[in-house]
Amino acid sequence: MEYMFWNEYLASMAEDWAKTCRWEHGQPSRPSGEPPFDQIGQNLYVYNGTFDPLHGIQAFYDEVAYYDYDTGACSKPPCGHYTQVVWSKSVELGCAYAYCSSMINIDLINANYLVCNYGPAGNYVGQKPFAKGKPCTGCSSGHFWCDNDLCRRDCTAQSSKCQCRAACQNCATTVRSNCTCSCTPGWTGIDCSERCEDRNAYCGANPGWPVSWCDKDYVRENCPALCSLCSVNTGGDSSICKTTTTTTTTTAAPGDDNQDDNNMTRDSTNNLVGNLLLLLTTLFVSLFN
């Protein structure tokens, strides 16, 4: 799970969209290349009673009661608000709300309309919102700094509040200065668990994806060898190496290592929601004073 950071640009986009009073997903027009993310996720909430935007955030998360992680099924749709809130690769958000005398596309008057934007977007079909396991051993940024069981990319080696929980595999070296994994030849990925090889037939093919396309995210993700993001192993098999886990600050309390993955994941999601509510409380409180 990633610690969420507030993004003013996403918030300004959310405010402009909320002011349209349109009950549908969308974004206001912006110059090409100006938004901070290519793909932006979005959650919407509307209410015509006494309004507290934090209730909307909690309502998004409360869909967890209907979501089955193992199957991806939702017993009482929608569950997409919840999965976007906990989507492990979404690291920034911006929310805003507006008063709407009448909503468009829904029969509601005197409504308060909350819009939250998430970057980068989540909710990709066929993907899990997060991976179960020990917190902070799969941080999407590749920096395994951990604060309250949440990946926190703004930490440094000098920060007393963060632990380095890098779990580097296949003979990789833990770079303690920035809590990353330095892979040996033949391996790639944030924890060096993936073989250095292209994963799509289009990599380097003609027609296909030439090396000049390596500035595109989808090409870099599928063609790490083509894009020279890793070194192809020409020697022996390094898969016999053991995983190395590093913790640079306070050790876990006795018994923590015996928690199962579900409990640890549940703790992380609860901490994430607490992070969001605290963040939004701080930002919205001035609006009610």
Protein backbone atom coordinates (compact mmCIF):
# COMPACT_ATOMS: atom_id res chain seq x y z
CA MET A 1 0.00 0.00 0.00
CA GLU A 2 1.23 3.49 -0.87
CA TYR A 3 1.05 6.52 1.38
CA MET A 4 -1.15 9.00 -0.48
CA PHE A 5 0.02 12.54 -1.21
CA TRP A 6 -2.17 15.52 -2.00
CA ASN A 7 -1.87 16.91 -5.54
CA GLU A 8 -3.15 20.45 -6.06
CA TYR A 9 -3.48 20.02 -9.82
CA LEU A 10 -5.69 16.94 -9.41
CA ALA A 11 -7.73 18.92 -6.87
CA SER A 12 -8.19 21.83 -9.28
CA MET A 13 -9.39 19.41 -11.96
CA ALA A 14 -11.77 17.85 -9.42
CA GLU A 15 -13.13 21.28 -8.49
CA ASP A 16 -13.74 22.27 -12.10
CA TRP A 17 -15.53 18.99 -12.77
CA ALA A 18 -17.65 19.24 -9.61
CA LYS A 19 -18.81 22.69 -10.72
CA THR A 20 -20.29 21.18 -13.90
CA CYS A 21 -22.79 19.30 -11.68
CA ARG A 22 -22.71 16.43 -14.16
CA TRP A 23 -23.25 13.02 -12.56
CA GLU A 24 -20.79 11.18 -14.76
CA HIS A 25 -17.07 10.54 -14.93
CA GLY A 26 -14.98 13.06 -16.79
CA GLN A 27 -12.29 15.71 -16.57
CA PRO A 28 -12.24 19.39 -17.49
CA SER A 29 -10.35 20.41 -20.59
CA ARG A 30 -6.64 20.96 -20.01
CA PRO A 31 -3.74 21.67 -22.40
CA SER A 32 -2.05 18.52 -23.67
CA GLY A 33 0.77 17.40 -21.42
CA GLU A 34 -0.29 19.61 -18.51
CA PRO A 35 -2.09 17.07 -16.25
CA PRO A 36 0.41 15.30 -13.97
CA PHE A 37 -0.70 11.79 -15.03
CA ASP A 38 -1.60 10.26 -18.39
CA GLN A 39 -4.42 8.25 -16.80
CA ILE A 40 -6.44 9.64 -13.89
CA GLY A 41 -8.86 7.61 -11.78
CA GLN A 42 -11.98 9.19 -10.34
CA ASN A 43 -14.54 8.60 -7.59
CA LEU A 44 -17.80 10.53 -7.31
CA TYR A 45 -20.17 11.10 -4.38
CA VAL A 46 -23.29 13.25 -4.16
CA TYR A 47 -25.54 14.02 -1.20
CA ASN A 48 -28.35 16.46 -0.57
CA GLY A 49 -28.41 16.44 3.23
CA THR A 50 -26.00 17.74 5.84
CA PHE A 51 -22.69 17.29 4.05
CA ASP A 52 -19.30 16.14 5.25
CA PRO A 53 -16.87 15.24 2.43
CA LEU A 54 -15.15 12.75 4.73
CA HIS A 55 -18.34 10.69 4.75
CA GLY A 56 -17.91 10.33 1.00
CA ILE A 57 -14.36 9.02 1.39
CA GLN A 58 -15.56 6.54 4.01
CA ALA A 59 -18.41 5.47 1.73
CA PHE A 60 -15.90 4.67 -1.01
CA TYR A 61 -13.96 2.40 1.33
CA ASP A 62 -17.04 0.77 2.86
CA GLU A 63 -17.63 -1.08 -0.40
CA VAL A 64 -14.95 -3.47 0.89
CA ALA A 65 -17.79 -5.41 2.53
CA TYR A 66 -18.99 -6.53 -0.91
CA TYR A 67 -15.66 -7.13 -2.65
CA ASP A 68 -14.10 -10.59 -2.88
CA TYR A 69 -10.35 -10.20 -3.27
CA ASP A 70 -9.72 -13.76 -4.45
CA THR A 71 -12.29 -13.76 -7.25
CA GLY A 72 -12.59 -10.04 -7.93
CA ALA A 73 -16.39 -10.39 -7.66
CA CYS A 74 -18.62 -7.69 -6.20
CA SER A 75 -21.75 -9.00 -4.46
CA LYS A 76 -23.40 -5.57 -4.32
CA PRO A 77 -22.07 -3.29 -7.09
CA PRO A 78 -20.33 -0.98 -7.33
CA CYS A 79 -17.04 -1.90 -5.68
CA GLY A 80 -14.85 0.19 -7.96
CA HIS A 81 -14.74 3.12 -5.53
CA TYR A 82 -13.14 0.87 -2.92
CA THR A 83 -10.65 -0.73 -5.32
CA GLN A 84 -9.54 2.71 -6.56
CA VAL A 85 -9.03 3.93 -2.97
CA VAL A 86 -6.75 0.97 -2.17
CA TRP A 87 -5.14 0.62 -5.64
CA SER A 88 -1.50 0.09 -4.77
CA LYS A 89 -0.04 2.05 -7.68
CA SER A 90 -2.15 5.18 -7.14
CA VAL A 91 0.05 7.52 -5.09
CA GLU A 92 -1.52 10.98 -5.33
CA LEU A 93 -5.01 12.38 -5.07
CA GLY A 94 -6.90 15.64 -5.19
CA CYS A 95 -10.52 16.13 -4.12
CA ALA A 96 -12.99 19.00 -4.24
CA TYR A 97 -16.72 19.55 -4.00
CA ALA A 98 -19.29 22.03 -5.19
CA TYR A 99 -22.87 22.94 -4.38
CA CYS A 100 -25.29 22.12 -7.20
CA SER A 101 -28.82 23.53 -7.18
CA SER A 102 -29.69 20.66 -9.51
CA MET A 103 -27.65 17.77 -10.82
CA ILE A 104 -27.40 16.75 -14.47
CA ASN A 105 -28.08 13.08 -15.33
CA ILE A 106 -29.58 12.37 -11.90
CA ASP A 107 -32.78 13.64 -10.27
CA LEU A 108 -31.30 15.49 -7.31
CA ILE A 109 -31.54 19.11 -6.16
CA ASN A 110 -29.69 21.14 -3.53
CA ALA A 111 -26.83 18.67 -3.72
CA ASN A 112 -23.20 18.70 -2.63
CA TYR A 113 -21.03 17.00 -5.22
CA LEU A 114 -17.68 15.46 -4.23
CA VAL A 115 -15.09 14.55 -6.87
CA CYS A 116 -11.79 12.77 -6.09
CA ASN A 117 -9.07 12.25 -8.69
CA TYR A 118 -6.34 9.63 -8.30
CA GLY A 119 -3.04 9.42 -10.09
CA PRO A 120 -2.05 7.27 -11.71
CA ALA A 121 -5.41 5.60 -12.28
CA GLY A 122 -6.31 2.18 -10.96
CA ASN A 123 -9.10 -0.30 -11.66
CA TYR A 124 -7.51 -2.09 -14.61
CA VAL A 125 -9.54 -5.08 -15.74
CA GLY A 126 -8.07 -8.40 -14.65
CA GLN A 127 -5.69 -6.88 -12.09
CA LYS A 128 -5.82 -7.04 -8.30
CA PRO A 129 -5.87 -3.70 -6.47
CA PHE A 130 -2.93 -4.81 -4.33
CA ALA A 131 -0.86 -7.89 -3.57
CA LYS A 132 -1.28 -9.63 -0.23
CA GLY A 133 1.85 -10.06 1.85
CA LYS A 134 4.18 -8.30 4.21
CA PRO A 135 3.68 -4.53 4.07
CA CYS A 136 6.16 -2.45 2.09
CA THR A 137 7.90 -5.35 0.35
CA GLY A 138 6.26 -4.55 -3.01
CA CYS A 139 6.29 -0.73 -3.15
CA SER A 140 5.48 0.30 -6.72
CA SER A 141 8.09 3.08 -6.71
CA GLY A 142 10.86 0.58 -6.07
CA HIS A 143 11.79 2.42 -2.87
CA PHE A 144 10.85 0.20 0.06
CA TRP A 145 10.65 2.83 2.78
CA CYS A 146 7.86 2.00 5.22
CA ASP A 147 5.91 4.24 7.62
CA ASN A 148 3.04 2.74 9.59
CA ASP A 149 2.97 -0.20 7.15
CA LEU A 150 2.56 2.11 4.14
CA CYS A 151 5.11 2.62 1.36
CA ARG A 152 6.39 6.17 1.63
CA ARG A 153 8.52 7.42 -1.25
CA ASP A 154 9.51 10.70 0.43
CA CYS A 155 11.56 9.02 3.16
CA THR A 156 15.34 9.06 3.29
CA ALA A 157 17.99 7.06 5.09
CA GLN A 158 18.14 9.87 7.65
CA SER A 159 14.42 9.72 8.45
CA SER A 160 13.74 8.25 11.86
CA LYS A 161 10.09 7.49 11.10
CA CYS A 162 10.73 5.06 8.24
CA GLN A 163 12.06 1.54 7.95
CA CYS A 164 13.73 0.04 4.90
CA ARG A 165 11.95 -3.23 4.15
CA ALA A 166 13.57 -4.12 0.86
CA ALA A 167 13.29 -7.84 0.11
CA CYS A 168 15.71 -8.18 -2.79
CA GLN A 169 15.84 -11.48 -4.67
CA ASN A 170 18.22 -13.41 -6.90
CA CYS A 171 21.51 -12.18 -5.45
CA ALA A 172 20.45 -8.54 -5.70
CA THR A 173 22.09 -5.94 -3.48
CA THR A 174 20.12 -3.66 -1.17
CA VAL A 175 21.10 -0.03 -1.76
CA ARG A 176 20.71 1.31 1.74
CA SER A 177 20.98 4.98 0.82
CA ASN A 178 17.67 4.94 -1.04
CA CYS A 179 16.22 1.54 -0.02
CA THR A 180 16.14 0.01 -3.50
CA CYS A 181 17.34 -3.25 -5.04
CA SER A 182 20.27 -3.36 -7.45
CA CYS A 183 19.70 -6.40 -9.65
CA THR A 184 22.32 -8.84 -10.87
CA PRO A 185 22.54 -9.57 -14.62
CA GLY A 186 19.54 -11.50 -15.84
CA TRP A 187 17.00 -10.02 -13.43
CA THR A 188 14.75 -6.97 -13.27
CA GLY A 189 11.70 -5.66 -11.43
CA ILE A 190 11.50 -3.59 -8.26
CA ASP A 191 12.69 -6.55 -6.15
CA CYS A 192 14.68 -8.27 -8.94
CA SER A 193 12.23 -11.18 -9.07
CA GLU A 194 11.54 -10.95 -12.83
CA ARG A 195 13.81 -12.31 -15.54
CA CYS A 196 15.37 -9.75 -17.85
CA GLU A 197 13.54 -10.63 -21.03
CA ASP A 198 10.99 -9.07 -23.32
CA ARG A 199 7.41 -10.13 -22.62
CA ASN A 200 5.60 -9.22 -25.82
CA ALA A 201 6.02 -10.39 -29.41
CA TYR A 202 5.92 -6.76 -30.57
CA CYS A 203 9.19 -5.95 -28.78
CA GLY A 204 11.70 -5.06 -31.51
CA ALA A 205 9.48 -6.58 -34.20
CA ASN A 206 8.74 -5.07 -37.60
CA PRO A 207 5.95 -4.16 -37.62
CA GLY A 208 5.96 -3.75 -33.88
CA TRP A 209 7.64 -1.66 -31.21
CA PRO A 210 11.10 -0.36 -32.22
CA VAL A 211 13.67 0.70 -29.65
CA SER A 212 12.83 4.32 -30.46
CA TRP A 213 9.47 3.71 -28.75
CA CYS A 214 11.10 3.03 -25.39
CA ASP A 215 9.92 6.43 -24.17
CA LYS A 216 6.41 4.94 -24.00
CA ASP A 217 5.39 3.42 -20.67
CA TYR A 218 3.76 0.31 -22.15
CA VAL A 219 6.84 -0.49 -24.24
CA ARG A 220 9.19 -0.07 -21.29
CA GLU A 221 6.97 -2.29 -19.15
CA ASN A 222 6.79 -5.09 -21.71
CA CYS A 223 10.25 -4.81 -23.25
CA PRO A 224 12.83 -4.29 -20.48
CA ALA A 225 15.59 -6.02 -22.45
CA LEU A 226 14.91 -4.09 -25.66
CA CYS A 227 14.88 -0.81 -23.74
CA SER A 228 18.11 -1.68 -21.86
CA LEU A 229 16.36 -1.42 -18.50
CA CYS A 230 18.24 -4.50 -17.32
CA SER A 231 21.24 -6.62 -18.27
CA VAL A 232 20.62 -9.97 -19.93
CA ASN A 233 22.40 -12.74 -18.05
CA THR A 234 24.95 -14.55 -20.19
CA GLY A 235 26.35 -16.61 -17.33
CA GLY A 236 24.89 -19.18 -14.98
CA ASP A 237 21.51 -19.35 -13.29
CA SER A 238 21.32 -17.09 -10.24
CA SER A 239 17.91 -18.40 -9.16
CA ILE A 240 19.53 -20.39 -6.35
CA CYS A 241 20.13 -17.19 -4.39
CA LYS A 242 17.98 -16.51 -1.37
CA THR A 243 15.83 -13.47 -0.75
CA THR A 244 17.52 -10.88 1.45
CA THR A 245 15.37 -8.66 3.63
CA THR A 246 16.75 -5.48 5.12
CA THR A 247 15.38 -3.42 8.00
CA THR A 248 17.36 -0.32 8.83
CA THR A 249 15.53 1.05 11.87
CA THR A 250 13.40 -0.24 14.74
CA THR A 251 12.70 -3.97 14.59
CA ALA A 252 9.15 -5.29 14.63
CA ALA A 253 7.51 -6.13 17.92
CA PRO A 254 7.65 -9.79 19.02
CA GLY A 255 5.03 -11.83 17.24
CA ASP A 256 4.72 -9.55 14.19
CA ASP A 257 6.47 -12.09 11.96
CA ASN A 258 3.75 -14.62 12.75
CA GLN A 259 0.88 -12.54 11.38
CA ASP A 260 -0.69 -14.03 8.30
CA ASP A 261 -0.82 -12.15 5.02
CA ASN A 262 -4.51 -11.32 5.38
CA ASN A 263 -4.03 -9.64 8.74
CA MET A 264 -1.04 -7.65 7.54
CA THR A 265 -2.87 -6.57 4.38
CA ARG A 266 -5.94 -5.60 6.41
CA ASP A 267 -3.78 -3.47 8.70
CA SER A 268 -2.24 -1.73 5.70
CA THR A 269 -5.61 -0.93 4.10
CA ASN A 270 -6.90 0.43 7.40
CA ASN A 271 -3.78 2.57 7.74
CA LEU A 272 -4.29 3.83 4.18
CA VAL A 273 -7.86 4.93 4.92
CA GLY A 274 -6.66 6.60 8.10
CA ASN A 275 -4.01 8.41 6.02
CA LEU A 276 -6.68 9.60 3.56
CA LEU A 277 -9.12 10.76 6.22
CA LEU A 278 -6.42 12.65 8.11
CA LEU A 279 -5.13 14.22 4.90
CA LEU A 280 -8.60 15.33 3.80
CA THR A 281 -9.58 16.50 7.29
CA THR A 282 -6.60 18.84 7.30
CA LEU A 283 -7.44 20.20 3.85
CA PHE A 284 -11.21 20.53 4.27
CA VAL A 285 -11.35 21.80 7.86
CA SER A 286 -10.97 25.45 6.85
CA LEU A 287 -14.11 25.18 4.73
CA PHE A 288 -16.25 24.50 7.79
CA ASN A 289 -14.79 27.22 10.09
